């Protein structure tokens, strides 16, 4: 889970990277924070997609999460 402090740190490291460069430890921290952020975005998107219902031409309502097995949850 990524919180507001993590997002602020990601942005802080991005600005520092552009301005003066990062130390090896900061670059490692930036990579880890970005990976956690991307995983949170993917998890959120999967959750949203798994809750979409589609109305088929035959009138049947089909849940995409059930159809595709709710992968990744």
Protein backbone atom coordinates (compact mmCIF):
# COMPACT_ATOMS: atom_id res chain seq x y z
CA UNK A 1 0.00 0.00 0.00
CA UNK A 2 1.30 3.44 -0.89
CA UNK A 3 0.43 6.38 1.32
CA UNK A 4 0.75 10.15 0.92
CA UNK A 5 4.21 10.17 2.51
CA UNK A 6 5.44 7.59 0.00
CA UNK A 7 4.07 9.65 -2.90
CA UNK A 8 5.73 12.78 -1.54
CA UNK A 9 9.04 10.90 -1.25
CA UNK A 10 8.72 9.57 -4.81
CA UNK A 11 8.23 13.12 -6.07
CA UNK A 12 11.05 14.45 -3.90
CA UNK A 13 13.47 11.85 -5.26
CA UNK A 14 12.34 12.54 -8.84
CA UNK A 15 13.06 16.26 -8.42
CA UNK A 16 16.44 15.57 -6.82
CA UNK A 17 17.30 13.11 -9.58
CA UNK A 18 16.71 15.77 -12.23
CA UNK A 19 18.48 18.53 -10.31
CA UNK A 20 21.59 16.89 -8.96
CA UNK A 21 21.39 13.12 -9.20
CA UNK A 22 20.78 10.45 -6.60
CA UNK A 23 23.06 8.44 -4.38
CA UNK A 24 23.04 4.68 -4.81
CA UNK A 25 20.86 4.30 -1.70
CA UNK A 26 18.40 6.94 -2.92
CA UNK A 27 18.18 5.31 -6.35
CA UNK A 28 17.42 1.96 -4.70
CA UNK A 29 14.76 3.61 -2.48
CA UNK A 30 13.22 5.32 -5.52
CA UNK A 31 13.03 2.02 -7.41
CA UNK A 32 11.37 0.23 -4.47
CA UNK A 33 8.86 3.04 -3.93
CA UNK A 34 7.97 3.11 -7.64
CA UNK A 35 7.48 -0.67 -7.70
CA UNK A 36 5.15 -0.50 -4.68
CA UNK A 37 3.24 2.37 -6.30
CA UNK A 38 2.81 0.50 -9.59
CA UNK A 39 1.65 -2.65 -7.78
CA UNK A 40 -0.97 -0.59 -5.90
CA UNK A 41 -2.19 0.94 -9.19
CA UNK A 42 -2.41 -2.50 -10.83
CA UNK A 43 -4.24 -3.97 -7.82
CA UNK A 44 -6.74 -1.09 -7.88
CA UNK A 45 -7.33 -1.46 -11.62
CA UNK A 46 -7.83 -5.23 -11.31
CA UNK A 47 -10.35 -4.65 -8.55
CA UNK A 48 -12.28 -2.17 -10.68
CA UNK A 49 -12.24 -4.44 -13.74
CA UNK A 50 -13.38 -7.43 -11.68
CA UNK A 51 -16.49 -5.49 -10.66
CA UNK A 52 -17.67 -4.61 -14.17
CA UNK A 53 -20.85 -6.22 -15.42
CA UNK A 54 -21.44 -6.47 -19.17
CA UNK A 55 -24.86 -6.78 -20.77
CA UNK A 56 -24.58 -9.27 -23.63
CA UNK A 57 -26.69 -9.13 -26.80
CA UNK A 58 -28.83 -11.99 -25.50
CA UNK A 59 -29.76 -9.92 -22.43
CA UNK A 60 -27.60 -11.90 -20.03
CA UNK A 61 -25.48 -9.92 -17.55
CA UNK A 62 -21.95 -11.24 -17.21
CA UNK A 63 -19.45 -10.22 -14.55
CA UNK A 64 -15.93 -9.84 -15.97
CA UNK A 65 -14.29 -10.83 -12.68
CA UNK A 66 -16.16 -14.11 -12.66
CA UNK A 67 -15.56 -14.69 -16.37
CA UNK A 68 -11.81 -14.19 -16.14
CA UNK A 69 -11.29 -15.74 -12.72
CA UNK A 70 -10.47 -12.62 -10.63
CA UNK A 71 -6.80 -13.03 -11.40
CA UNK A 72 -4.34 -11.40 -9.03
CA UNK A 73 -6.59 -11.05 -6.01
